Amino acid sequence: MTQAKSGDTVRIHYTGTLDDGSTFDSSAGRDPLEFKLGSGQVIPGFDKGVDGMSVGEKKTIHIPADEAYGQKDDRAVQAIPRENIPDDIPLEVGIQLQMQSPTGQVMPVTVTEVTETEVTLDANHPLAGKDLTFELELVSVGCGDESCGCGS
């Protein structure tokens, strides 16, 4: 039976949950996730969990925050004067906005607090600082070279 290894193109069904059991993402009702194993396209713990799986195999993996989206970085949370945000932008806790860094890079931020004078924005990934659990099912493995005939 074919086992997934670094460099292979894999297709996998997954459901990701948090410690409280809530689902944060799933491929249910969609095509399987396709990525090149070991290429950095997915979080490190996901890559490690899929490595060595056989086609048709199902398993549960637990990924600590350090192998997922990392720990929360307090430096990525910033309070800015409310007057610096255009009036047409809705300011509600939980809403996601896009900001532009001084270098021109666009980055998503989440509004975490709104007062009369300030708006607090968090540029951490929403799953930063969280341990993740995934239910996995490996659907297919290919080498990623369409000319070889292996079906990838």
N, C-alpha and C. Protein backbone atom coordinates (compact mmCIF):
# COMPACT_ATOMS: atom_id res chain seq x y z
N MET A 1 0.84 -1.18 0.00
CA MET A 1 0.00 0.00 0.00
C MET A 1 0.89 1.25 0.00
N THR A 2 0.50 2.26 -0.75
CA THR A 2 1.28 3.48 -0.89
C THR A 2 1.24 4.32 0.39
N GLN A 3 2.42 4.69 0.87
CA GLN A 3 2.52 5.56 2.04
C GLN A 3 2.98 6.94 1.62
N ALA A 4 2.42 7.96 2.27
CA ALA A 4 2.77 9.34 1.97
C ALA A 4 4.16 9.64 2.50
N LYS A 5 4.96 10.32 1.68
CA LYS A 5 6.29 10.75 2.12
C LYS A 5 6.57 12.14 1.57
N SER A 6 7.55 12.80 2.15
CA SER A 6 7.91 14.16 1.74
C SER A 6 8.10 14.25 0.23
N GLY A 7 7.52 15.26 -0.37
CA GLY A 7 7.60 15.45 -1.82
C GLY A 7 6.38 14.94 -2.57
N ASP A 8 5.60 14.04 -1.92
CA ASP A 8 4.39 13.51 -2.55
C ASP A 8 3.29 14.57 -2.54
N THR A 9 2.44 14.52 -3.55
CA THR A 9 1.22 15.32 -3.56
C THR A 9 0.13 14.45 -2.96
N VAL A 10 -0.46 14.91 -1.86
CA VAL A 10 -1.47 14.12 -1.16
C VAL A 10 -2.82 14.82 -1.22
N ARG A 11 -3.86 14.02 -1.11
CA ARG A 11 -5.23 14.54 -0.99
C ARG A 11 -5.80 13.94 0.28
N ILE A 12 -6.33 14.80 1.14
CA ILE A 12 -6.75 14.34 2.45
C ILE A 12 -8.04 15.01 2.89
N HIS A 13 -8.93 14.23 3.47
CA HIS A 13 -10.11 14.78 4.13
C HIS A 13 -9.74 15.02 5.59
N TYR A 14 -10.26 16.08 6.16
CA TYR A 14 -9.90 16.42 7.54
C TYR A 14 -11.05 17.16 8.23
N THR A 15 -11.05 17.09 9.54
CA THR A 15 -11.88 17.94 10.39
C THR A 15 -10.99 18.41 11.53
N GLY A 16 -10.91 19.72 11.70
CA GLY A 16 -10.09 20.30 12.76
C GLY A 16 -10.95 20.81 13.89
N THR A 17 -10.58 20.42 15.12
CA THR A 17 -11.33 20.86 16.30
C THR A 17 -10.39 21.47 17.34
N LEU A 18 -10.99 22.28 18.21
CA LEU A 18 -10.27 22.87 19.33
C LEU A 18 -10.45 21.99 20.56
N ASP A 19 -9.75 22.33 21.65
CA ASP A 19 -9.84 21.54 22.88
C ASP A 19 -11.26 21.46 23.43
N ASP A 20 -12.08 22.47 23.14
CA ASP A 20 -13.46 22.45 23.64
C ASP A 20 -14.40 21.63 22.75
N GLY A 21 -13.84 21.01 21.69
CA GLY A 21 -14.63 20.17 20.80
C GLY A 21 -15.24 20.90 19.62
N SER A 22 -15.14 22.23 19.59
CA SER A 22 -15.73 22.98 18.48
C SER A 22 -14.90 22.81 17.21
N THR A 23 -15.59 22.69 16.07
CA THR A 23 -14.93 22.53 14.77
C THR A 23 -14.56 23.91 14.22
N PHE A 24 -13.30 24.08 13.82
CA PHE A 24 -12.88 25.35 13.22
C PHE A 24 -12.70 25.24 11.72
N ASP A 25 -12.57 24.02 11.18
CA ASP A 25 -12.43 23.85 9.74
C ASP A 25 -12.66 22.37 9.39
N SER A 26 -13.16 22.13 8.18
CA SER A 26 -13.40 20.77 7.74
C SER A 26 -13.49 20.74 6.22
N SER A 27 -13.09 19.61 5.66
CA SER A 27 -13.25 19.42 4.22
C SER A 27 -14.57 18.72 3.90
N ALA A 28 -15.39 18.43 4.91
CA ALA A 28 -16.66 17.74 4.69
C ALA A 28 -17.51 18.52 3.68
N GLY A 29 -18.02 17.82 2.69
CA GLY A 29 -18.85 18.44 1.67
C GLY A 29 -18.04 19.17 0.60
N ARG A 30 -16.72 19.08 0.69
CA ARG A 30 -15.84 19.72 -0.29
C ARG A 30 -14.86 18.68 -0.84
N ASP A 31 -14.09 19.10 -1.83
CA ASP A 31 -13.02 18.24 -2.32
C ASP A 31 -11.97 18.10 -1.23
N PRO A 32 -11.23 16.99 -1.23
CA PRO A 32 -10.16 16.85 -0.25
C PRO A 32 -9.11 17.95 -0.42
N LEU A 33 -8.42 18.25 0.66
CA LEU A 33 -7.31 19.20 0.62
C LEU A 33 -6.15 18.54 -0.12
N GLU A 34 -5.58 19.26 -1.08
CA GLU A 34 -4.43 18.74 -1.82
C GLU A 34 -3.23 19.62 -1.54
N PHE A 35 -2.11 19.00 -1.19
CA PHE A 35 -0.88 19.77 -0.96
C PHE A 35 0.33 18.86 -1.14
N LYS A 36 1.49 19.48 -1.30
CA LYS A 36 2.73 18.74 -1.44
C LYS A 36 3.32 18.55 -0.05
N LEU A 37 3.43 17.32 0.38
CA LEU A 37 3.90 16.99 1.72
C LEU A 37 5.34 17.47 1.91
N GLY A 38 5.57 18.15 3.03
CA GLY A 38 6.91 18.63 3.36
C GLY A 38 7.30 19.94 2.72
N SER A 39 6.37 20.59 2.02
CA SER A 39 6.70 21.81 1.28
C SER A 39 6.39 23.09 2.07
N GLY A 40 5.77 22.94 3.25
CA GLY A 40 5.42 24.13 4.03
C GLY A 40 4.09 24.74 3.64
N GLN A 41 3.29 24.04 2.84
CA GLN A 41 1.99 24.56 2.43
C GLN A 41 0.96 24.48 3.55
N VAL A 42 1.20 23.61 4.52
CA VAL A 42 0.30 23.46 5.67
C VAL A 42 1.14 23.63 6.94
N ILE A 43 0.47 23.74 8.09
CA ILE A 43 1.20 23.91 9.34
C ILE A 43 2.10 22.69 9.60
N PRO A 44 3.23 22.89 10.28
CA PRO A 44 4.21 21.80 10.47
C PRO A 44 3.62 20.53 11.09
N GLY A 45 2.78 20.66 12.10
CA GLY A 45 2.21 19.49 12.75
C GLY A 45 1.30 18.69 11.83
N PHE A 46 0.65 19.36 10.90
CA PHE A 46 -0.23 18.68 9.93
C PHE A 46 0.64 17.85 8.98
N ASP A 47 1.73 18.47 8.47
CA ASP A 47 2.68 17.75 7.62
C ASP A 47 3.18 16.49 8.31
N LYS A 48 3.62 16.63 9.57
CA LYS A 48 4.15 15.49 10.32
C LYS A 48 3.09 14.41 10.51
N GLY A 49 1.86 14.82 10.76
CA GLY A 49 0.78 13.86 10.98
C GLY A 49 0.43 13.04 9.76
N VAL A 50 0.54 13.64 8.58
CA VAL A 50 0.19 12.94 7.33
C VAL A 50 1.34 12.05 6.86
N ASP A 51 2.58 12.45 7.16
CA ASP A 51 3.76 11.70 6.72
C ASP A 51 3.68 10.25 7.20
N GLY A 52 3.79 9.31 6.29
CA GLY A 52 3.76 7.89 6.64
C GLY A 52 2.38 7.26 6.60
N MET A 53 1.33 8.07 6.42
CA MET A 53 -0.03 7.49 6.33
C MET A 53 -0.17 6.70 5.03
N SER A 54 -1.03 5.69 5.05
CA SER A 54 -1.34 4.89 3.86
C SER A 54 -2.68 5.34 3.30
N VAL A 55 -2.85 5.19 1.99
CA VAL A 55 -4.11 5.54 1.35
C VAL A 55 -5.24 4.77 2.02
N GLY A 56 -6.31 5.48 2.38
CA GLY A 56 -7.46 4.89 3.05
C GLY A 56 -7.36 4.92 4.57
N GLU A 57 -6.17 5.18 5.09
CA GLU A 57 -5.98 5.21 6.55
C GLU A 57 -6.66 6.43 7.16
N LYS A 58 -7.22 6.22 8.35
CA LYS A 58 -7.83 7.30 9.13
C LYS A 58 -7.10 7.36 10.46
N LYS A 59 -6.88 8.59 10.96
CA LYS A 59 -6.27 8.72 12.27
C LYS A 59 -6.56 10.10 12.84
N THR A 60 -6.33 10.21 14.14
CA THR A 60 -6.49 11.47 14.86
C THR A 60 -5.11 11.95 15.27
N ILE A 61 -4.83 13.24 15.01
CA ILE A 61 -3.56 13.81 15.45
C ILE A 61 -3.83 15.03 16.33
N HIS A 62 -2.96 15.23 17.29
CA HIS A 62 -3.02 16.39 18.18
C HIS A 62 -1.80 17.25 17.89
N ILE A 63 -2.04 18.52 17.61
CA ILE A 63 -0.95 19.42 17.24
C ILE A 63 -0.86 20.54 18.27
N PRO A 64 0.27 20.62 19.00
CA PRO A 64 0.43 21.72 19.95
C PRO A 64 0.56 23.05 19.21
N ALA A 65 0.22 24.13 19.86
CA ALA A 65 0.25 25.46 19.24
C ALA A 65 1.58 25.76 18.56
N ASP A 66 2.69 25.31 19.16
CA ASP A 66 4.00 25.60 18.58
C ASP A 66 4.22 24.94 17.22
N GLU A 67 3.47 23.87 16.92
CA GLU A 67 3.57 23.21 15.61
C GLU A 67 2.37 23.54 14.72
N ALA A 68 1.56 24.50 15.20
CA ALA A 68 0.39 24.94 14.44
C ALA A 68 0.62 26.40 14.02
N TYR A 69 -0.07 27.33 14.66
CA TYR A 69 0.06 28.74 14.29
C TYR A 69 0.90 29.53 15.28
N GLY A 70 1.62 28.83 16.16
CA GLY A 70 2.50 29.48 17.12
C GLY A 70 1.75 30.05 18.31
N GLN A 71 2.51 30.62 19.22
CA GLN A 71 1.94 31.26 20.40
C GLN A 71 1.48 32.67 20.03
N LYS A 72 0.55 33.19 20.80
CA LYS A 72 0.12 34.59 20.60
C LYS A 72 1.31 35.50 20.87
N ASP A 73 1.45 36.52 20.06
CA ASP A 73 2.53 37.49 20.20
C ASP A 73 1.90 38.82 20.62
N ASP A 74 2.16 39.24 21.85
CA ASP A 74 1.59 40.48 22.37
C ASP A 74 1.98 41.70 21.54
N ARG A 75 3.11 41.61 20.84
CA ARG A 75 3.56 42.73 19.99
C ARG A 75 2.67 42.90 18.76
N ALA A 76 1.85 41.88 18.46
CA ALA A 76 0.95 41.94 17.30
C ALA A 76 -0.41 42.54 17.67
N VAL A 77 -0.56 42.97 18.92
CA VAL A 77 -1.79 43.61 19.37
C VAL A 77 -1.48 45.09 19.59
N GLN A 78 -2.28 45.96 18.97
CA GLN A 78 -1.98 47.38 19.03
C GLN A 78 -3.27 48.19 19.15
N ALA A 79 -3.23 49.16 20.05
CA ALA A 79 -4.34 50.11 20.18
C ALA A 79 -4.00 51.33 19.35
N ILE A 80 -4.94 51.75 18.51
CA ILE A 80 -4.72 52.94 17.69
C ILE A 80 -5.86 53.94 17.93
N PRO A 81 -5.58 55.21 17.72
CA PRO A 81 -6.65 56.20 17.91
C PRO A 81 -7.82 55.92 16.96
N ARG A 82 -9.01 55.98 17.51
CA ARG A 82 -10.21 55.71 16.71
C ARG A 82 -10.32 56.66 15.52
N GLU A 83 -9.85 57.87 15.69
CA GLU A 83 -9.91 58.86 14.60
C GLU A 83 -9.07 58.47 13.40
N ASN A 84 -8.14 57.51 13.57
CA ASN A 84 -7.30 57.06 12.45
C ASN A 84 -8.00 56.06 11.54
N ILE A 85 -9.19 55.64 11.93
CA ILE A 85 -9.93 54.67 11.13
C ILE A 85 -11.08 55.39 10.44
N PRO A 86 -11.19 55.27 9.12
CA PRO A 86 -12.26 55.96 8.39
C PRO A 86 -13.64 55.63 8.95
N ASP A 87 -14.53 56.61 8.91
CA ASP A 87 -15.87 56.48 9.47
C ASP A 87 -16.71 55.39 8.80
N ASP A 88 -16.41 55.07 7.53
CA ASP A 88 -17.22 54.08 6.82
C ASP A 88 -16.86 52.63 7.17
N ILE A 89 -15.84 52.43 8.00
CA ILE A 89 -15.44 51.08 8.39
C ILE A 89 -16.16 50.71 9.69
N PRO A 90 -16.93 49.61 9.67
CA PRO A 90 -17.65 49.21 10.89
C PRO A 90 -16.68 48.74 11.96
N LEU A 91 -16.88 49.20 13.17
CA LEU A 91 -15.99 48.83 14.28
C LEU A 91 -16.76 48.05 15.33
N GLU A 92 -16.70 46.74 15.22
CA GLU A 92 -17.33 45.85 16.18
C GLU A 92 -16.30 44.82 16.60
N VAL A 93 -16.33 44.43 17.86
CA VAL A 93 -15.42 43.40 18.35
C VAL A 93 -15.66 42.12 17.55
N GLY A 94 -14.58 41.52 17.07
CA GLY A 94 -14.65 40.28 16.30
C GLY A 94 -14.58 40.47 14.80
N ILE A 95 -14.83 41.68 14.33
CA ILE A 95 -14.80 41.91 12.88
C ILE A 95 -13.35 41.87 12.39
N GLN A 96 -13.16 41.34 11.18
CA GLN A 96 -11.82 41.28 10.61
C GLN A 96 -11.66 42.40 9.59
N LEU A 97 -10.52 43.06 9.67
CA LEU A 97 -10.17 44.14 8.76
C LEU A 97 -8.84 43.82 8.11
N GLN A 98 -8.48 44.60 7.11
CA GLN A 98 -7.16 44.48 6.51
C GLN A 98 -6.43 45.79 6.71
N MET A 99 -5.20 45.69 7.13
CA MET A 99 -4.34 46.86 7.30
C MET A 99 -3.15 46.73 6.38
N GLN A 100 -2.52 47.86 6.13
CA GLN A 100 -1.31 47.84 5.33
C GLN A 100 -0.15 48.22 6.23
N SER A 101 0.89 47.40 6.21
CA SER A 101 2.07 47.67 7.03
C SER A 101 2.86 48.81 6.39
N PRO A 102 3.81 49.39 7.13
CA PRO A 102 4.64 50.46 6.55
C PRO A 102 5.37 50.03 5.28
N THR A 103 5.61 48.72 5.12
CA THR A 103 6.30 48.23 3.93
C THR A 103 5.34 47.92 2.78
N GLY A 104 4.02 48.14 3.02
CA GLY A 104 3.02 47.92 1.99
C GLY A 104 2.37 46.55 2.01
N GLN A 105 2.79 45.69 2.93
CA GLN A 105 2.21 44.36 3.03
C GLN A 105 0.81 44.44 3.65
N VAL A 106 -0.16 43.76 3.03
CA VAL A 106 -1.52 43.73 3.56
C VAL A 106 -1.60 42.61 4.59
N MET A 107 -2.15 42.92 5.77
CA MET A 107 -2.28 41.89 6.80
C MET A 107 -3.66 41.96 7.44
N PRO A 108 -4.24 40.78 7.69
CA PRO A 108 -5.54 40.76 8.36
C PRO A 108 -5.38 41.04 9.84
N VAL A 109 -6.34 41.76 10.40
CA VAL A 109 -6.37 42.05 11.84
C VAL A 109 -7.80 41.86 12.33
N THR A 110 -7.92 41.56 13.61
CA THR A 110 -9.24 41.39 14.23
C THR A 110 -9.43 42.49 15.27
N VAL A 111 -10.59 43.12 15.25
CA VAL A 111 -10.91 44.14 16.25
C VAL A 111 -11.21 43.39 17.56
N THR A 112 -10.45 43.71 18.62
CA THR A 112 -10.64 43.02 19.90
C THR A 112 -11.24 43.92 20.97
N GLU A 113 -11.18 45.25 20.76
CA GLU A 113 -11.77 46.17 21.73
C GLU A 113 -12.04 47.51 21.05
N VAL A 114 -13.15 48.14 21.39
CA VAL A 114 -13.50 49.45 20.85
C VAL A 114 -13.92 50.33 22.03
N THR A 115 -13.25 51.47 22.16
CA THR A 115 -13.64 52.46 23.18
C THR A 115 -13.96 53.76 22.45
N GLU A 116 -14.31 54.79 23.21
CA GLU A 116 -14.59 56.10 22.61
C GLU A 116 -13.39 56.66 21.87
N THR A 117 -12.17 56.34 22.35
CA THR A 117 -10.98 56.97 21.80
C THR A 117 -10.04 56.03 21.07
N GLU A 118 -10.13 54.70 21.34
CA GLU A 118 -9.18 53.76 20.75
C GLU A 118 -9.87 52.52 20.19
N VAL A 119 -9.16 51.91 19.24
CA VAL A 119 -9.57 50.62 18.69
C VAL A 119 -8.36 49.70 18.83
N THR A 120 -8.57 48.53 19.44
CA THR A 120 -7.48 47.57 19.60
C THR A 120 -7.58 46.53 18.50
N LEU A 121 -6.45 46.35 17.79
CA LEU A 121 -6.38 45.44 16.65
C LEU A 121 -5.37 44.34 16.95
N ASP A 122 -5.72 43.10 16.60
CA ASP A 122 -4.87 41.94 16.84
C ASP A 122 -4.49 41.32 15.50
N ALA A 123 -3.19 41.31 15.19
CA ALA A 123 -2.71 40.74 13.93
C ALA A 123 -2.29 39.28 14.07
N ASN A 124 -2.46 38.69 15.25
CA ASN A 124 -2.17 37.26 15.42
C ASN A 124 -3.16 36.44 14.59
N HIS A 125 -2.73 35.26 14.14
CA HIS A 125 -3.65 34.34 13.48
C HIS A 125 -4.74 33.98 14.48
N PRO A 126 -6.00 33.86 14.07
CA PRO A 126 -7.08 33.54 15.01
C PRO A 126 -6.84 32.25 15.81
N LEU A 127 -6.03 31.33 15.29
CA LEU A 127 -5.76 30.07 15.99
C LEU A 127 -4.41 30.08 16.73
N ALA A 128 -3.74 31.23 16.77
CA ALA A 128 -2.47 31.33 17.51
C ALA A 128 -2.72 31.04 18.98
N GLY A 129 -1.80 30.28 19.58
CA GLY A 129 -1.90 29.95 21.00
C GLY A 129 -2.82 28.78 21.29
N LYS A 130 -3.39 28.16 20.27
CA LYS A 130 -4.35 27.06 20.49
C LYS A 130 -3.77 25.73 20.02
N ASP A 131 -4.00 24.69 20.81
CA ASP A 131 -3.67 23.33 20.40
C ASP A 131 -4.81 22.85 19.50
N LEU A 132 -4.48 22.09 18.47
CA LEU A 132 -5.47 21.66 17.48
C LEU A 132 -5.53 20.14 17.39
N THR A 133 -6.70 19.61 17.08
CA THR A 133 -6.89 18.18 16.85
C THR A 133 -7.49 18.02 15.47
N PHE A 134 -6.95 17.08 14.71
CA PHE A 134 -7.47 16.80 13.38
C PHE A 134 -7.83 15.33 13.24
N GLU A 135 -8.99 15.07 12.66
CA GLU A 135 -9.37 13.74 12.19
C GLU A 135 -8.97 13.72 10.72
N LEU A 136 -8.13 12.76 10.35
CA LEU A 136 -7.59 12.71 8.99
C LEU A 136 -7.99 11.42 8.28
N GLU A 137 -8.16 11.53 6.96
CA GLU A 137 -8.32 10.36 6.11
C GLU A 137 -7.55 10.62 4.82
N LEU A 138 -6.53 9.81 4.57
CA LEU A 138 -5.72 9.98 3.36
C LEU A 138 -6.45 9.38 2.17
N VAL A 139 -6.77 10.22 1.19
CA VAL A 139 -7.55 9.80 0.03
C VAL A 139 -6.65 9.30 -1.09
N SER A 140 -5.54 10.02 -1.36
CA SER A 140 -4.65 9.59 -2.43
C SER A 140 -3.25 10.15 -2.22
N VAL A 141 -2.29 9.48 -2.86
CA VAL A 141 -0.89 9.89 -2.84
C VAL A 141 -0.38 9.82 -4.27
N GLY A 142 0.28 10.89 -4.71
CA GLY A 142 0.93 10.90 -6.02
C GLY A 142 2.27 11.56 -5.88
N CYS A 143 3.12 11.42 -6.84
CA CYS A 143 4.46 11.97 -6.73
C CYS A 143 4.51 13.45 -7.12
N GLY A 144 3.43 13.96 -7.70
CA GLY A 144 3.41 15.36 -8.12
C GLY A 144 3.92 15.58 -9.53
N ASP A 145 4.41 14.52 -10.18
CA ASP A 145 4.91 14.62 -11.54
C ASP A 145 3.87 13.98 -12.47
N GLU A 146 3.09 14.83 -13.16
CA GLU A 146 2.00 14.33 -13.98
C GLU A 146 2.48 13.43 -15.13
N SER A 147 3.75 13.53 -15.50
CA SER A 147 4.24 12.75 -16.62
C SER A 147 4.61 11.32 -16.23
N CYS A 148 4.63 11.01 -14.90
CA CYS A 148 5.09 9.67 -14.50
C CYS A 148 4.01 8.61 -14.58
N GLY A 149 2.74 9.04 -14.61
CA GLY A 149 1.66 8.08 -14.74
C GLY A 149 1.16 7.49 -13.42
N CYS A 150 1.55 8.05 -12.30
CA CYS A 150 1.13 7.49 -11.00
C CYS A 150 -0.24 7.99 -10.58
N GLY A 151 -0.82 8.90 -11.33
CA GLY A 151 -2.15 9.37 -11.00
C GLY A 151 -2.20 10.68 -10.27
N SER A 152 -1.07 11.33 -10.13
CA SER A 152 -1.09 12.62 -9.44
C SER A 152 -1.23 13.72 -10.47
